Amino acid sequence: MIQNLLKLRRFAIIALCWFAAVSPALAQQWPDKPIRLIVPAPPGGISDAVARLIAEQLRANLGQSVVVENKPGGSAVVAERAVMNAPADGYTWMVGPSSVLSDIPLTVKTPYDPLKTFTYVAEASSMLHVLVANANFPPNNVKELLDYAKRNPRSVSVANLSVGTRSNLLGEMLREKSGNNMLVVPYKGSAPAMVDLLGNQVQLTFEVVSNVVPLVKSGKLKALAIASPSRSQYLPNVPSFGEVGLPDFVLPHASVGAFVLSSTPKPLIDRIQSEMAKVVRAPKFREALTAQGLDLPQEASADQLHQILATTMAHNKEIIEKLQLKINPE
């Protein structure tokens, strides 16, 4: 028995030494086969657009095939499981919003901890959210909106996007701020919500700025306030919630970026982060982001990004508990 334990211990030590020696070599050889970017959203959205820009730049930088695979559904659980079922060898990433690790786990219960299972290796684009209204909706600013909702209880509807997302939290916060005089209408995603918003079936929603800039500029929607510390460069005349006296609506930083399994060897994670730094600094990539109305990313290490996510999760957990939002099973 003791001899068997000693053999197992010796084997474990040898395996660890081999792993430590081989990992740097693997990082140097990487990539020697195609890279998969799993997107937890259908084609056409922000995550998909950013993933395709990353793929294009990686192909140019590495001379290797990079494939984008869309796996929507289950509040990102479908995409997360696709990455979890792949080897932790740096060839399967997830590209999506930071909320899949910081927001969604607070309202969608899973048998694993996404914040521990995945490592956020790099931001690719910052995400600012804006409160937009149907062009024919009478209020033109947040104060008028809250006054209108109180005078006309339950006549104002807010399109509520996928459970646990930033838009979901902001919509519930707005309902609470109105004294529960607004109705929250659930939608499976941005596209159907936007159809009903334009058709005045619902009057309001929180959306990512880049998704609504053309509609605001064409007069089909009106923007009431930005849910970020500062104004958006794409909607410079729209105040932040802080400016209109509602700083609670300024949620922590949100972004779209690249995630890998935390069990990926550290040298490979470092190599991937190094390659992503080249991607986000590339003039062509940055020009493409700006052309699509997307905000430039902040550069940070994997450790710094993890801390941002942990801080965001703690902040949003307080909101969810205050609003008593229900936890959905996987």
Protein backbone atom coordinates (compact mmCIF):
# COMPACT_ATOMS: atom_id res chain seq x y z
CA MET A 1 0.00 0.00 0.00
CA ILE A 2 2.75 2.41 1.03
CA GLN A 3 4.78 1.43 -2.03
CA ASN A 4 1.80 2.15 -4.28
CA LEU A 5 1.33 5.58 -2.69
CA LEU A 6 5.03 6.33 -3.16
CA LYS A 7 4.79 5.29 -6.81
CA LEU A 8 1.76 7.53 -7.33
CA ARG A 9 3.51 10.44 -5.66
CA ARG A 10 6.63 9.87 -7.79
CA PHE A 11 4.48 9.73 -10.93
CA ALA A 12 2.69 12.97 -9.97
CA ILE A 13 6.01 14.76 -9.41
CA ILE A 14 7.36 13.51 -12.75
CA ALA A 15 4.13 14.56 -14.50
CA LEU A 16 4.31 18.05 -12.99
CA CYS A 17 7.95 18.43 -14.01
CA TRP A 18 7.12 17.26 -17.53
CA PHE A 19 4.16 19.65 -17.72
CA ALA A 20 6.29 22.57 -16.53
CA ALA A 21 8.96 21.76 -19.09
CA VAL A 22 6.61 21.12 -22.01
CA SER A 23 4.20 24.07 -21.48
CA PRO A 24 6.67 26.78 -22.62
CA ALA A 25 7.49 24.68 -25.69
CA LEU A 26 3.78 24.33 -26.50
CA ALA A 27 3.36 28.09 -26.16
CA GLN A 28 6.21 28.65 -28.62
CA GLN A 29 4.75 26.19 -31.16
CA TRP A 30 1.22 27.55 -30.80
CA PRO A 31 -0.70 27.84 -33.07
CA ASP A 32 -0.04 24.89 -35.36
CA LYS A 33 -3.71 24.21 -36.15
CA PRO A 34 -6.91 26.28 -36.59
CA ILE A 35 -8.24 28.36 -33.68
CA ARG A 36 -11.97 28.29 -32.86
CA LEU A 37 -13.74 31.39 -31.54
CA ILE A 38 -17.05 30.39 -29.90
CA VAL A 39 -19.59 33.24 -29.75
CA PRO A 40 -22.52 33.00 -27.28
CA ALA A 41 -24.80 34.94 -29.64
CA PRO A 42 -26.26 34.63 -33.15
CA PRO A 43 -24.63 36.25 -36.19
CA GLY A 44 -25.11 39.99 -36.57
CA GLY A 45 -24.67 41.18 -33.01
CA ILE A 46 -21.81 42.99 -31.32
CA SER A 47 -20.08 39.86 -30.01
CA ASP A 48 -20.23 38.31 -33.47
CA ALA A 49 -18.88 41.47 -35.12
CA VAL A 50 -16.00 41.74 -32.65
CA ALA A 51 -15.18 38.02 -32.99
CA ARG A 52 -14.93 38.34 -36.76
CA LEU A 53 -12.64 41.37 -36.47
CA ILE A 54 -10.43 39.43 -34.03
CA ALA A 55 -10.40 36.43 -36.36
CA GLU A 56 -9.38 38.57 -39.33
CA GLN A 57 -6.52 40.21 -37.43
CA LEU A 58 -5.31 36.92 -35.91
CA ARG A 59 -5.20 35.32 -39.36
CA ALA A 60 -3.07 38.18 -40.61
CA ASN A 61 -0.76 38.13 -37.58
CA LEU A 62 -0.36 34.36 -37.15
CA GLY A 63 -0.84 33.00 -40.66
CA GLN A 64 -3.23 30.42 -39.20
CA SER A 65 -6.90 29.67 -39.85
CA VAL A 66 -9.31 31.17 -37.30
CA VAL A 67 -12.95 30.02 -37.37
CA VAL A 68 -15.91 31.81 -35.76
CA GLU A 69 -18.68 29.52 -34.45
CA ASN A 70 -21.97 30.98 -33.20
CA LYS A 71 -23.53 29.04 -30.34
CA PRO A 72 -26.34 31.16 -28.86
CA GLY A 73 -28.72 30.03 -26.16
CA GLY A 74 -28.98 29.32 -22.47
CA SER A 75 -27.66 32.74 -21.38
CA ALA A 76 -24.21 31.81 -22.77
CA VAL A 77 -24.25 28.33 -21.18
CA VAL A 78 -24.31 26.63 -24.61
CA ALA A 79 -21.16 28.47 -25.68
CA GLU A 80 -19.47 27.98 -22.32
CA ARG A 81 -20.05 24.23 -22.44
CA ALA A 82 -18.65 24.07 -25.98
CA VAL A 83 -15.41 25.61 -24.71
CA MET A 84 -15.40 23.45 -21.55
CA ASN A 85 -15.76 20.28 -23.66
CA ALA A 86 -12.70 21.20 -25.73
CA PRO A 87 -9.10 20.60 -24.61
CA ALA A 88 -7.49 23.42 -22.60
CA ASP A 89 -4.84 23.83 -25.28
CA GLY A 90 -5.42 27.41 -26.44
CA TYR A 91 -7.26 26.45 -29.63
CA THR A 92 -10.82 27.04 -28.42
CA TRP A 93 -11.78 30.46 -27.05
CA MET A 94 -15.02 32.18 -26.24
CA VAL A 95 -15.53 35.72 -27.54
CA GLY A 96 -18.41 37.53 -25.90
CA PRO A 97 -19.51 40.16 -23.38
CA SER A 98 -17.86 40.37 -19.97
CA SER A 99 -21.34 39.95 -18.48
CA VAL A 100 -21.17 36.20 -19.15
CA LEU A 101 -18.76 36.04 -16.20
CA SER A 102 -19.77 39.05 -14.08
CA ASP A 103 -23.55 39.45 -14.51
CA ILE A 104 -25.27 36.35 -15.88
CA PRO A 105 -23.96 33.89 -13.21
CA LEU A 106 -25.82 35.96 -10.61
CA THR A 107 -29.21 35.17 -12.14
CA VAL A 108 -28.62 31.93 -14.05
CA LYS A 109 -27.59 29.04 -11.82
CA THR A 110 -25.04 26.64 -13.30
CA PRO A 111 -23.21 23.64 -11.77
CA TYR A 112 -19.90 25.40 -12.40
CA ASP A 113 -18.47 28.80 -11.50
CA PRO A 114 -17.84 30.70 -14.76
CA LEU A 115 -15.51 33.19 -13.03
CA LYS A 116 -13.26 30.31 -11.92
CA THR A 117 -13.71 28.16 -15.02
CA PHE A 118 -12.70 30.87 -17.50
CA THR A 119 -9.92 33.43 -17.70
CA TYR A 120 -10.61 36.76 -19.41
CA VAL A 121 -7.44 37.21 -21.44
CA ALA A 122 -8.18 40.46 -23.27
CA GLU A 123 -10.74 43.15 -23.92
CA ALA A 124 -11.50 43.79 -27.57
CA SER A 125 -14.11 46.55 -27.22
CA SER A 126 -15.65 48.56 -24.40
CA MET A 127 -19.45 48.55 -24.17
CA LEU A 128 -21.54 51.59 -23.24
CA HIS A 129 -25.29 51.22 -22.69
CA VAL A 130 -27.86 53.88 -23.46
CA LEU A 131 -31.54 54.26 -22.56
CA VAL A 132 -33.46 54.75 -25.80
CA ALA A 133 -37.14 55.47 -26.42
CA ASN A 134 -39.52 55.28 -29.35
CA ALA A 135 -39.36 58.55 -31.30
CA ASN A 136 -43.04 59.28 -30.56
CA PHE A 137 -42.77 58.71 -26.82
CA PRO A 138 -43.59 62.08 -25.14
CA PRO A 139 -40.74 62.35 -22.56
CA ASN A 140 -37.45 63.73 -23.91
CA ASN A 141 -35.24 63.16 -20.86
CA VAL A 142 -35.04 60.98 -17.75
CA LYS A 143 -36.78 63.46 -15.43
CA GLU A 144 -39.72 63.78 -17.83
CA LEU A 145 -39.78 59.98 -18.15
CA LEU A 146 -40.07 59.37 -14.39
CA ASP A 147 -42.72 62.09 -14.04
CA TYR A 148 -44.67 60.63 -16.98
CA ALA A 149 -44.53 57.10 -15.52
CA LYS A 150 -45.89 58.34 -12.18
CA ARG A 151 -48.72 60.24 -13.88
CA ASN A 152 -49.50 57.28 -16.14
CA PRO A 153 -48.84 54.18 -14.03
CA ARG A 154 -48.18 50.92 -15.90
CA SER A 155 -48.59 52.57 -19.29
CA VAL A 156 -44.84 52.56 -20.02
CA SER A 157 -43.13 49.30 -21.05
CA VAL A 158 -39.41 48.56 -20.92
CA ALA A 159 -38.05 45.83 -23.19
CA ASN A 160 -36.08 43.50 -20.95
CA LEU A 161 -33.34 41.55 -22.74
CA SER A 162 -31.81 38.20 -21.76
CA VAL A 163 -31.80 37.38 -18.04
CA GLY A 164 -28.70 38.56 -16.23
CA THR A 165 -27.44 40.90 -18.94
CA ARG A 166 -26.53 44.52 -18.34
CA SER A 167 -29.69 45.62 -20.18
CA ASN A 168 -31.76 43.35 -17.93
CA LEU A 169 -30.32 44.84 -14.72
CA LEU A 170 -30.72 48.42 -15.94
CA GLY A 171 -34.31 47.79 -17.02
CA GLU A 172 -35.21 46.38 -13.61
CA MET A 173 -33.47 49.31 -11.90
CA LEU A 174 -35.53 51.75 -13.99
CA ARG A 175 -38.74 49.94 -13.07
CA GLU A 176 -37.85 50.21 -9.38
CA LYS A 177 -36.86 53.89 -9.75
CA SER A 178 -40.28 54.63 -11.26
CA GLY A 179 -41.97 53.29 -8.13
CA ASN A 180 -42.85 50.09 -10.03
CA ASN A 181 -45.03 52.17 -12.35
CA MET A 182 -43.36 50.71 -15.46
CA LEU A 183 -43.92 47.28 -16.98
CA VAL A 184 -40.92 45.10 -17.84
CA VAL A 185 -41.48 42.95 -20.94
CA PRO A 186 -39.08 40.00 -21.43
CA TYR A 187 -37.44 39.39 -24.82
CA LYS A 188 -35.04 36.69 -25.99
CA GLY A 189 -32.66 39.20 -27.54
CA SER A 190 -32.04 42.63 -29.02
CA ALA A 191 -33.51 42.03 -32.48
CA PRO A 192 -37.14 41.26 -31.47
CA ALA A 193 -37.02 43.95 -28.78
CA MET A 194 -35.88 46.53 -31.32
CA VAL A 195 -38.68 45.58 -33.73
CA ASP A 196 -41.27 46.18 -31.03
CA LEU A 197 -39.57 49.36 -29.84
CA LEU A 198 -39.66 50.83 -33.34
CA GLY A 199 -43.30 49.73 -33.62
CA ASN A 200 -44.13 51.35 -30.26
CA GLN A 201 -45.23 48.03 -28.75
CA VAL A 202 -42.77 48.89 -25.99
CA GLN A 203 -41.52 52.41 -25.30
CA LEU A 204 -38.02 51.93 -23.86
CA THR A 205 -34.99 49.68 -23.70
CA PHE A 206 -31.34 49.77 -22.69
CA GLU A 207 -29.07 48.95 -25.60
CA VAL A 208 -25.40 49.04 -26.46
CA VAL A 209 -24.63 52.41 -28.04
CA SER A 210 -23.28 50.98 -31.31
CA ASN A 211 -26.57 49.14 -31.94
CA VAL A 212 -28.70 52.29 -31.88
CA VAL A 213 -26.54 55.17 -33.17
CA PRO A 214 -27.93 54.99 -36.75
CA LEU A 215 -31.52 54.79 -35.43
CA VAL A 216 -30.99 57.76 -33.11
CA LYS A 217 -29.33 59.85 -35.81
CA SER A 218 -32.11 59.05 -38.29
CA GLY A 219 -34.76 60.13 -35.77
CA LYS A 220 -36.36 56.68 -35.38
CA LEU A 221 -35.32 56.50 -31.72
CA LYS A 222 -34.33 59.08 -29.15
CA ALA A 223 -31.57 58.60 -26.60
CA LEU A 224 -32.30 59.76 -23.05
CA ALA A 225 -29.15 58.93 -21.04
CA ILE A 226 -25.89 56.96 -21.11
CA ALA A 227 -25.36 54.36 -18.36
CA SER A 228 -21.62 55.05 -18.11
CA PRO A 229 -19.38 57.48 -16.21
CA SER A 230 -19.04 59.72 -19.26
CA ARG A 231 -20.81 60.52 -22.51
CA SER A 232 -20.35 58.45 -25.63
CA GLN A 233 -18.19 59.81 -28.43
CA TYR A 234 -20.91 58.61 -30.83
CA LEU A 235 -23.76 60.40 -29.00
CA PRO A 236 -21.99 63.45 -27.55
CA ASN A 237 -25.21 65.38 -26.86
CA VAL A 238 -26.72 62.65 -24.67
CA PRO A 239 -25.98 63.10 -20.94
CA SER A 240 -24.81 60.32 -18.63
CA PHE A 241 -27.09 59.16 -15.82
CA GLY A 242 -24.64 60.76 -13.40
CA GLU A 243 -25.23 64.13 -15.05
CA VAL A 244 -28.99 63.83 -14.57
CA GLY A 245 -28.65 62.97 -10.88
CA LEU A 246 -28.90 59.16 -11.05
CA PRO A 247 -25.35 57.90 -10.42
CA ASP A 248 -26.65 54.45 -9.39
CA PHE A 249 -27.32 53.77 -13.07
CA VAL A 250 -23.62 54.10 -13.86
CA LEU A 251 -22.70 50.42 -13.67
CA PRO A 252 -19.10 49.12 -13.63
CA HIS A 253 -17.16 48.75 -16.85
CA ALA A 254 -18.50 46.30 -19.44
CA SER A 255 -16.75 44.99 -22.52
CA VAL A 256 -16.49 42.31 -25.21
CA GLY A 257 -13.38 40.18 -25.24
CA ALA A 258 -11.68 36.80 -25.37
CA PHE A 259 -11.90 34.05 -22.75
CA VAL A 260 -10.06 30.73 -22.41
CA LEU A 261 -10.32 27.90 -19.91
CA SER A 262 -8.49 28.71 -16.68
CA SER A 263 -6.92 25.24 -16.85
CA THR A 264 -4.99 26.32 -19.95
CA PRO A 265 -1.23 26.23 -19.19
CA LYS A 266 -0.01 29.62 -17.96
CA PRO A 267 2.61 30.02 -20.74
CA LEU A 268 -0.17 29.54 -23.30
CA ILE A 269 -2.44 32.06 -21.58
CA ASP A 270 0.47 34.53 -21.61
CA ARG A 271 1.06 33.86 -25.32
CA ILE A 272 -2.62 34.31 -26.17
CA GLN A 273 -2.77 37.55 -24.21
CA SER A 274 0.34 38.77 -26.04
CA GLU A 275 -1.23 37.99 -29.41
CA MET A 276 -4.49 39.67 -28.40
CA ALA A 277 -2.55 42.78 -27.37
CA LYS A 278 -1.17 42.90 -30.93
CA VAL A 279 -4.70 42.51 -32.29
CA VAL A 280 -6.27 45.36 -30.30
CA ARG A 281 -3.33 47.69 -31.01
CA ALA A 282 -3.44 47.08 -34.76
CA PRO A 283 -4.55 50.26 -36.61
CA LYS A 284 -6.74 48.22 -38.98
CA PHE A 285 -8.57 46.59 -36.06
CA ARG A 286 -9.12 49.89 -34.26
CA GLU A 287 -10.33 51.60 -37.43
CA ALA A 288 -12.78 48.74 -38.03
CA LEU A 289 -14.13 49.05 -34.46
CA THR A 290 -14.66 52.78 -34.85
CA ALA A 291 -16.29 52.33 -38.27
CA GLN A 292 -18.88 50.05 -36.64
CA GLY A 293 -19.53 52.51 -33.81
CA LEU A 294 -17.75 50.34 -31.24
CA ASP A 295 -15.69 51.80 -28.41
CA LEU A 296 -11.98 51.06 -28.11
CA PRO A 297 -10.91 48.61 -25.39
CA GLN A 298 -8.89 49.30 -22.28
CA GLU A 299 -5.66 47.31 -22.03
CA ALA A 300 -5.22 45.25 -18.88
CA SER A 301 -3.58 42.02 -17.76
CA ALA A 302 -5.59 38.86 -17.14
CA ASP A 303 -5.23 39.44 -13.39
CA GLN A 304 -6.50 43.03 -13.71
CA LEU A 305 -9.43 41.91 -15.86
CA HIS A 306 -10.30 39.23 -13.30
CA GLN A 307 -10.36 41.88 -10.57
CA ILE A 308 -12.63 44.10 -12.69
CA LEU A 309 -15.02 41.18 -13.18
CA ALA A 310 -15.00 40.30 -9.47
CA THR A 311 -15.72 43.93 -8.52
CA THR A 312 -18.50 44.13 -11.10
CA MET A 313 -20.04 40.89 -9.85
CA ALA A 314 -20.06 42.12 -6.23
CA HIS A 315 -21.65 45.44 -7.28
CA ASN A 316 -24.31 43.78 -9.42
CA LYS A 317 -25.07 41.17 -6.75
CA GLU A 318 -26.14 44.00 -4.45
CA ILE A 319 -28.50 45.28 -7.15
CA ILE A 320 -30.00 41.84 -7.77
CA GLU A 321 -30.58 41.25 -4.06
CA LYS A 322 -32.11 44.70 -3.63
CA LEU A 323 -34.47 44.18 -6.57
CA GLN A 324 -35.14 40.56 -5.54
CA LEU A 325 -34.58 39.26 -9.06
CA LYS A 326 -35.14 35.53 -9.27
CA ILE A 327 -32.40 33.01 -10.02
CA ASN A 328 -33.16 30.82 -13.02
CA PRO A 329 -31.94 27.21 -13.26
CA GLU A 330 -29.59 26.36 -16.12
